Amino acid sequence: MTISFDAASVSHSRERLVRCQRFAARCGYFLWRMACNPLTAIGGGIVLVLCIVALFAPWIAPYHPLVQDLNNALTPPGAAHWFGTDEFGRDIFSRLVWGARITLYIVLLVSVTVGPLGLLLGVTAGYFGGKVDGVLMRVTDIFISFPSLVLALAFVAALGPGLEHVVIAITLTAWPPIARLARAETLSLRQADFISAVRLQ
């Protein structure tokens, strides 16, 4: 009984080890493929540096980003202030370092919200078609016709200050391309042979 139990546990451990080795090999191959592409490697390096700076911001920034020192306002770059100071005497380098956290926060929220919104509208337009498709695509065309930055600034001005309002404004201007893509994929699936075969049954 004990021998069979030990054999089963050893076999299970070996299976887990093999799975971990396969997963590590796949991850290594994926990273190797990314490193072979210069643009991907450069972009990944920038994102990695941004994440490291945001994570260690309290230790990297020499000053608090909100502390004002009017006696040192508009100081040029130097040893004490690497990037100088603004009109309130705040260290610009420290504000840039702490700003990495805000950047990642906004990017994460926009990525989580803009995808489902564009996917929902695009799939709805492609699936129902007809008037629903026409109305949703005309609304999409209206949003695309305006410059996204100008439209986002208009939404922020209407909604008021705040990071959440910035996320909402960016989301409302970034969903049209995703909706167009989702609609095109939905239309192609509607016309596929296996969908037609199911309808004939």
C-alpha atoms as a PDB file:
ATOM      1  CA  MET A   1       0.000   0.000   0.000  1.00  0.00           C
ATOM      2  CA  THR A   2       2.799   2.393   1.012  1.00  0.00           C
ATOM      3  CA  ILE A   3       4.956   1.385  -1.940  1.00  0.00           C
ATOM      4  CA  SER A   4       2.124   1.990  -4.421  1.00  0.00           C
ATOM      5  CA  PHE A   5       1.367   5.341  -2.802  1.00  0.00           C
ATOM      6  CA  ASP A   6       5.019   6.397  -3.007  1.00  0.00           C
ATOM      7  CA  ALA A   7       5.207   5.311  -6.639  1.00  0.00           C
ATOM      8  CA  ALA A   8       2.112   7.328  -7.487  1.00  0.00           C
ATOM      9  CA  SER A   9       3.473  10.419  -5.734  1.00  0.00           C
ATOM     10  CA  VAL A  10       6.840  10.075  -7.496  1.00  0.00           C
ATOM     11  CA  SER A  11       5.084   9.688 -10.848  1.00  0.00           C
ATOM     12  CA  HIS A  12       2.971  12.771 -10.135  1.00  0.00           C
ATOM     13  CA  SER A  13       6.078  14.749  -9.170  1.00  0.00           C
ATOM     14  CA  ARG A  14       7.807  13.715 -12.385  1.00  0.00           C
ATOM     15  CA  GLU A  15       4.793  14.817 -14.443  1.00  0.00           C
ATOM     16  CA  ARG A  16       4.808  18.196 -12.726  1.00  0.00           C
ATOM     17  CA  LEU A  17       8.538  18.536 -13.339  1.00  0.00           C
ATOM     18  CA  VAL A  18       8.102  17.722 -17.022  1.00  0.00           C
ATOM     19  CA  ARG A  19       5.278  20.261 -17.314  1.00  0.00           C
ATOM     20  CA  CYS A  20       7.381  22.934 -15.644  1.00  0.00           C
ATOM     21  CA  GLN A  21      10.285  22.183 -17.970  1.00  0.00           C
ATOM     22  CA  ARG A  22       8.035  22.419 -21.024  1.00  0.00           C
ATOM     23  CA  PHE A  23       6.560  25.693 -19.795  1.00  0.00           C
ATOM     24  CA  ALA A  24      10.036  27.104 -19.147  1.00  0.00           C
ATOM     25  CA  ALA A  25      11.147  26.018 -22.624  1.00  0.00           C
ATOM     26  CA  ARG A  26       8.148  27.724 -24.217  1.00  0.00           C
ATOM     27  CA  CYS A  27       8.755  30.913 -22.240  1.00  0.00           C
ATOM     28  CA  GLY A  28      12.424  30.848 -23.199  1.00  0.00           C
ATOM     29  CA  TYR A  29      11.566  30.379 -26.864  1.00  0.00           C
ATOM     30  CA  PHE A  30       9.041  33.223 -26.694  1.00  0.00           C
ATOM     31  CA  LEU A  31      11.582  35.553 -25.071  1.00  0.00           C
ATOM     32  CA  TRP A  32      14.193  34.516 -27.619  1.00  0.00           C
ATOM     33  CA  ARG A  33      11.813  35.322 -30.480  1.00  0.00           C
ATOM     34  CA  MET A  34      11.083  38.707 -28.926  1.00  0.00           C
ATOM     35  CA  ALA A  35      14.787  39.445 -28.520  1.00  0.00           C
ATOM     36  CA  CYS A  36      15.401  38.624 -32.196  1.00  0.00           C
ATOM     37  CA  ASN A  37      12.992  41.387 -33.236  1.00  0.00           C
ATOM     38  CA  PRO A  38      14.722  44.751 -32.647  1.00  0.00           C
ATOM     39  CA  LEU A  39      11.520  46.788 -32.394  1.00  0.00           C
ATOM     40  CA  THR A  40       9.973  44.329 -29.950  1.00  0.00           C
ATOM     41  CA  ALA A  41      13.149  44.211 -27.886  1.00  0.00           C
ATOM     42  CA  ILE A  42      13.395  48.007 -27.715  1.00  0.00           C
ATOM     43  CA  GLY A  43       9.713  48.398 -26.828  1.00  0.00           C
ATOM     44  CA  GLY A  44       9.900  45.664 -24.215  1.00  0.00           C
ATOM     45  CA  GLY A  45      13.008  47.262 -22.735  1.00  0.00           C
ATOM     46  CA  ILE A  46      11.275  50.635 -22.451  1.00  0.00           C
ATOM     47  CA  VAL A  47       8.245  49.069 -20.761  1.00  0.00           C
ATOM     48  CA  LEU A  48      10.521  47.113 -18.398  1.00  0.00           C
ATOM     49  CA  VAL A  49      12.450  50.261 -17.446  1.00  0.00           C
ATOM     50  CA  LEU A  50       9.178  52.126 -16.884  1.00  0.00           C
ATOM     51  CA  CYS A  51       7.890  49.349 -14.619  1.00  0.00           C
ATOM     52  CA  ILE A  52      11.148  49.282 -12.629  1.00  0.00           C
ATOM     53  CA  VAL A  53      11.113  53.074 -12.224  1.00  0.00           C
ATOM     54  CA  ALA A  54       7.472  53.002 -11.098  1.00  0.00           C
ATOM     55  CA  LEU A  55       8.135  50.178  -8.643  1.00  0.00           C
ATOM     56  CA  PHE A  56      11.190  51.782  -7.031  1.00  0.00           C
ATOM     57  CA  ALA A  57      10.030  55.414  -7.318  1.00  0.00           C
ATOM     58  CA  PRO A  58      10.365  56.171  -3.567  1.00  0.00           C
ATOM     59  CA  TRP A  59      14.038  55.149  -3.667  1.00  0.00           C
ATOM     60  CA  ILE A  60      14.933  56.628  -7.066  1.00  0.00           C
ATOM     61  CA  ALA A  61      13.380  60.088  -6.650  1.00  0.00           C
ATOM     62  CA  PRO A  62      15.583  62.367  -4.503  1.00  0.00           C
ATOM     63  CA  TYR A  63      12.697  64.665  -3.531  1.00  0.00           C
ATOM     64  CA  HIS A  64       8.988  64.400  -2.858  1.00  0.00           C
ATOM     65  CA  PRO A  65       7.090  65.285  -6.053  1.00  0.00           C
ATOM     66  CA  LEU A  66       4.600  67.598  -4.300  1.00  0.00           C
ATOM     67  CA  VAL A  67       6.874  69.496  -1.909  1.00  0.00           C
ATOM     68  CA  GLN A  68       7.218  73.144  -2.953  1.00  0.00           C
ATOM     69  CA  ASP A  69      10.290  75.315  -2.456  1.00  0.00           C
ATOM     70  CA  LEU A  70       9.619  78.789  -3.836  1.00  0.00           C
ATOM     71  CA  ASN A  71      13.171  79.886  -3.042  1.00  0.00           C
ATOM     72  CA  ASN A  72      14.424  77.426  -5.683  1.00  0.00           C
ATOM     73  CA  ALA A  73      11.762  78.078  -8.315  1.00  0.00           C
ATOM     74  CA  LEU A  74      12.802  77.655 -11.967  1.00  0.00           C
ATOM     75  CA  THR A  75      16.265  76.419 -11.023  1.00  0.00           C
ATOM     76  CA  PRO A  76      18.283  75.207 -14.046  1.00  0.00           C
ATOM     77  CA  PRO A  77      19.522  71.602 -14.173  1.00  0.00           C
ATOM     78  CA  GLY A  78      22.386  70.938 -11.804  1.00  0.00           C
ATOM     79  CA  ALA A  79      23.789  68.553  -9.228  1.00  0.00           C
ATOM     80  CA  ALA A  80      20.999  69.206  -6.719  1.00  0.00           C
ATOM     81  CA  HIS A  81      18.189  69.087  -9.281  1.00  0.00           C
ATOM     82  CA  TRP A  82      19.099  66.994 -12.330  1.00  0.00           C
ATOM     83  CA  PHE A  83      16.264  68.306 -14.511  1.00  0.00           C
ATOM     84  CA  GLY A  84      15.801  71.604 -12.681  1.00  0.00           C
ATOM     85  CA  THR A  85      12.675  72.784 -10.884  1.00  0.00           C
ATOM     86  CA  ASP A  86       9.314  74.178 -11.964  1.00  0.00           C
ATOM     87  CA  GLU A  87       7.710  77.500 -11.048  1.00  0.00           C
ATOM     88  CA  PHE A  88       6.800  76.166  -7.595  1.00  0.00           C
ATOM     89  CA  GLY A  89      10.272  74.836  -6.846  1.00  0.00           C
ATOM     90  CA  ARG A  90       9.299  71.179  -7.245  1.00  0.00           C
ATOM     91  CA  ASP A  91      11.983  68.838  -8.551  1.00  0.00           C
ATOM     92  CA  ILE A  92      11.139  67.894 -12.148  1.00  0.00           C
ATOM     93  CA  PHE A  93      13.113  64.636 -12.099  1.00  0.00           C
ATOM     94  CA  SER A  94      11.242  63.432  -9.007  1.00  0.00           C
ATOM     95  CA  ARG A  95       7.926  64.340 -10.601  1.00  0.00           C
ATOM     96  CA  LEU A  96       8.849  62.382 -13.738  1.00  0.00           C
ATOM     97  CA  VAL A  97       9.816  59.331 -11.686  1.00  0.00           C
ATOM     98  CA  TRP A  98       6.598  59.389  -9.673  1.00  0.00           C
ATOM     99  CA  GLY A  99       4.658  60.092 -12.862  1.00  0.00           C
ATOM    100  CA  ALA A 100       5.605  56.625 -14.112  1.00  0.00           C
ATOM    101  CA  ARG A 101       3.154  55.161 -11.603  1.00  0.00           C
ATOM    102  CA  ILE A 102       0.341  57.371 -12.863  1.00  0.00           C
ATOM    103  CA  THR A 103       1.189  56.433 -16.448  1.00  0.00           C
ATOM    104  CA  LEU A 104       1.028  52.698 -15.742  1.00  0.00           C
ATOM    105  CA  TYR A 105      -2.186  53.153 -13.743  1.00  0.00           C
ATOM    106  CA  ILE A 106      -3.901  54.956 -16.616  1.00  0.00           C
ATOM    107  CA  VAL A 107      -2.595  52.513 -19.237  1.00  0.00           C
ATOM    108  CA  LEU A 108      -3.786  49.520 -17.213  1.00  0.00           C
ATOM    109  CA  LEU A 109      -7.285  50.901 -16.678  1.00  0.00           C
ATOM    110  CA  VAL A 110      -7.633  51.979 -20.306  1.00  0.00           C
ATOM    111  CA  SER A 111      -6.486  48.557 -21.522  1.00  0.00           C
ATOM    112  CA  VAL A 112      -9.027  46.843 -19.277  1.00  0.00           C
ATOM    113  CA  THR A 113     -11.955  49.068 -20.300  1.00  0.00           C
ATOM    114  CA  VAL A 114     -11.404  49.957 -23.961  1.00  0.00           C
ATOM    115  CA  GLY A 115     -11.120  46.357 -25.180  1.00  0.00           C
ATOM    116  CA  PRO A 116     -14.446  45.059 -23.834  1.00  0.00           C
ATOM    117  CA  LEU A 117     -16.252  48.243 -24.907  1.00  0.00           C
ATOM    118  CA  GLY A 118     -15.011  48.095 -28.492  1.00  0.00           C
ATOM    119  CA  LEU A 119     -15.542  44.336 -28.643  1.00  0.00           C
ATOM    120  CA  LEU A 120     -19.119  44.610 -27.372  1.00  0.00           C
ATOM    121  CA  LEU A 121     -20.115  47.318 -29.841  1.00  0.00           C
ATOM    122  CA  GLY A 122     -18.339  45.668 -32.777  1.00  0.00           C
ATOM    123  CA  VAL A 123     -19.781  42.205 -32.164  1.00  0.00           C
ATOM    124  CA  THR A 124     -23.258  43.684 -31.651  1.00  0.00           C
ATOM    125  CA  ALA A 125     -23.057  45.583 -34.937  1.00  0.00           C
ATOM    126  CA  GLY A 126     -21.728  42.600 -36.868  1.00  0.00           C
ATOM    127  CA  TYR A 127     -24.132  40.063 -35.384  1.00  0.00           C
ATOM    128  CA  PHE A 128     -27.417  41.951 -35.707  1.00  0.00           C
ATOM    129  CA  GLY A 129     -26.583  43.893 -38.870  1.00  0.00           C
ATOM    130  CA  GLY A 130     -29.206  46.057 -40.543  1.00  0.00           C
ATOM    131  CA  LYS A 131     -30.198  49.221 -38.734  1.00  0.00           C
ATOM    132  CA  VAL A 132     -28.250  48.311 -35.608  1.00  0.00           C
ATOM    133  CA  ASP A 133     -25.090  47.935 -37.659  1.00  0.00           C
ATOM    134  CA  GLY A 134     -25.765  51.177 -39.503  1.00  0.00           C
ATOM    135  CA  VAL A 135     -26.350  53.227 -36.352  1.00  0.00           C
ATOM    136  CA  LEU A 136     -23.352  51.840 -34.467  1.00  0.00           C
ATOM    137  CA  MET A 137     -21.009  52.261 -37.429  1.00  0.00           C
ATOM    138  CA  ARG A 138     -22.156  55.839 -38.010  1.00  0.00           C
ATOM    139  CA  VAL A 139     -21.449  56.604 -34.367  1.00  0.00           C
ATOM    140  CA  THR A 140     -18.050  54.962 -34.808  1.00  0.00           C
ATOM    141  CA  ASP A 141     -17.365  57.091 -37.885  1.00  0.00           C
ATOM    142  CA  ILE A 142     -18.267  60.231 -35.940  1.00  0.00           C
ATOM    143  CA  PHE A 143     -15.758  59.370 -33.212  1.00  0.00           C
ATOM    144  CA  ILE A 144     -13.067  58.510 -35.775  1.00  0.00           C
ATOM    145  CA  SER A 145     -13.619  61.761 -37.698  1.00  0.00           C
ATOM    146  CA  PHE A 146     -12.388  63.832 -34.740  1.00  0.00           C
ATOM    147  CA  PRO A 147      -8.722  63.859 -33.665  1.00  0.00           C
ATOM    148  CA  SER A 148      -8.538  61.545 -30.665  1.00  0.00           C
ATOM    149  CA  LEU A 149      -6.396  63.917 -28.595  1.00  0.00           C
ATOM    150  CA  VAL A 150      -8.724  66.883 -29.144  1.00  0.00           C
ATOM    151  CA  LEU A 151     -11.767  64.738 -28.376  1.00  0.00           C
ATOM    152  CA  ALA A 152     -10.143  63.369 -25.212  1.00  0.00           C
ATOM    153  CA  LEU A 153      -9.328  66.901 -24.032  1.00  0.00           C
ATOM    154  CA  ALA A 154     -12.931  67.920 -24.671  1.00  0.00           C
ATOM    155  CA  PHE A 155     -14.211  64.994 -22.586  1.00  0.00           C
ATOM    156  CA  VAL A 156     -11.779  65.827 -19.766  1.00  0.00           C
ATOM    157  CA  ALA A 157     -12.915  69.450 -19.810  1.00  0.00           C
ATOM    158  CA  ALA A 158     -16.540  68.322 -19.607  1.00  0.00           C
ATOM    159  CA  LEU A 159     -16.008  65.656 -16.944  1.00  0.00           C
ATOM    160  CA  GLY A 160     -13.614  67.646 -14.758  1.00  0.00           C
ATOM    161  CA  PRO A 161     -10.198  66.855 -13.272  1.00  0.00           C
ATOM    162  CA  GLY A 162      -9.262  63.423 -11.967  1.00  0.00           C
ATOM    163  CA  LEU A 163      -7.441  60.307 -13.133  1.00  0.00           C
ATOM    164  CA  GLU A 164     -10.669  58.348 -13.506  1.00  0.00           C
ATOM    165  CA  HIS A 165     -12.052  61.040 -15.797  1.00  0.00           C
ATOM    166  CA  VAL A 166      -8.874  60.859 -17.871  1.00  0.00           C
ATOM    167  CA  VAL A 167      -9.348  57.094 -18.199  1.00  0.00           C
ATOM    168  CA  ILE A 168     -12.975  57.578 -19.271  1.00  0.00           C
ATOM    169  CA  ALA A 169     -11.985  60.217 -21.820  1.00  0.00           C
ATOM    170  CA  ILE A 170      -9.260  58.053 -23.357  1.00  0.00           C
ATOM    171  CA  THR A 171     -11.567  55.028 -23.408  1.00  0.00           C
ATOM    172  CA  LEU A 172     -14.296  56.982 -25.205  1.00  0.00           C
ATOM    173  CA  THR A 173     -11.824  57.972 -27.931  1.00  0.00           C
ATOM    174  CA  ALA A 174      -9.924  54.671 -28.292  1.00  0.00           C
ATOM    175  CA  TRP A 175     -12.712  52.124 -28.790  1.00  0.00           C
ATOM    176  CA  PRO A 176     -13.649  52.797 -32.496  1.00  0.00           C
ATOM    177  CA  PRO A 177     -10.728  50.882 -34.120  1.00  0.00           C
ATOM    178  CA  ILE A 178     -11.401  47.865 -31.902  1.00  0.00           C
ATOM    179  CA  ALA A 179     -15.105  48.017 -32.749  1.00  0.00           C
ATOM    180  CA  ARG A 180     -14.367  48.117 -36.485  1.00  0.00           C
ATOM    181  CA  LEU A 181     -12.061  45.110 -36.187  1.00  0.00           C
ATOM    182  CA  ALA A 182     -14.541  43.130 -34.073  1.00  0.00           C
ATOM    183  CA  ARG A 183     -17.334  43.916 -36.533  1.00  0.00           C
ATOM    184  CA  ALA A 184     -15.245  42.718 -39.488  1.00  0.00           C
ATOM    185  CA  GLU A 185     -14.387  39.453 -37.729  1.00  0.00           C
ATOM    186  CA  THR A 186     -18.020  38.916 -36.750  1.00  0.00           C
ATOM    187  CA  LEU A 187     -19.197  39.470 -40.321  1.00  0.00           C
ATOM    188  CA  SER A 188     -16.609  37.008 -41.645  1.00  0.00           C
ATOM    189  CA  LEU A 189     -17.748  34.391 -39.132  1.00  0.00           C
ATOM    190  CA  ARG A 190     -21.407  34.932 -40.031  1.00  0.00           C
ATOM    191  CA  GLN A 191     -20.603  34.103 -43.649  1.00  0.00           C
ATOM    192  CA  ALA A 192     -18.478  31.055 -42.843  1.00  0.00           C
ATOM    193  CA  ASP A 193     -19.486  27.661 -44.239  1.00  0.00           C
ATOM    194  CA  PHE A 194     -19.993  25.974 -40.875  1.00  0.00           C
ATOM    195  CA  ILE A 195     -22.402  28.736 -39.787  1.00  0.00           C
ATOM    196  CA  SER A 196     -24.401  28.272 -42.995  1.00  0.00           C
ATOM    197  CA  ALA A 197     -24.456  24.507 -42.430  1.00  0.00           C
ATOM    198  CA  VAL A 198     -25.853  24.962 -38.918  1.00  0.00           C
ATOM    199  CA  ARG A 199     -28.565  27.286 -40.211  1.00  0.00           C
ATOM    200  CA  LEU A 200     -29.653  24.714 -42.797  1.00  0.00           C
ATOM    201  CA  GLN A 201     -30.134  22.006 -40.183  1.00  0.00           C
END
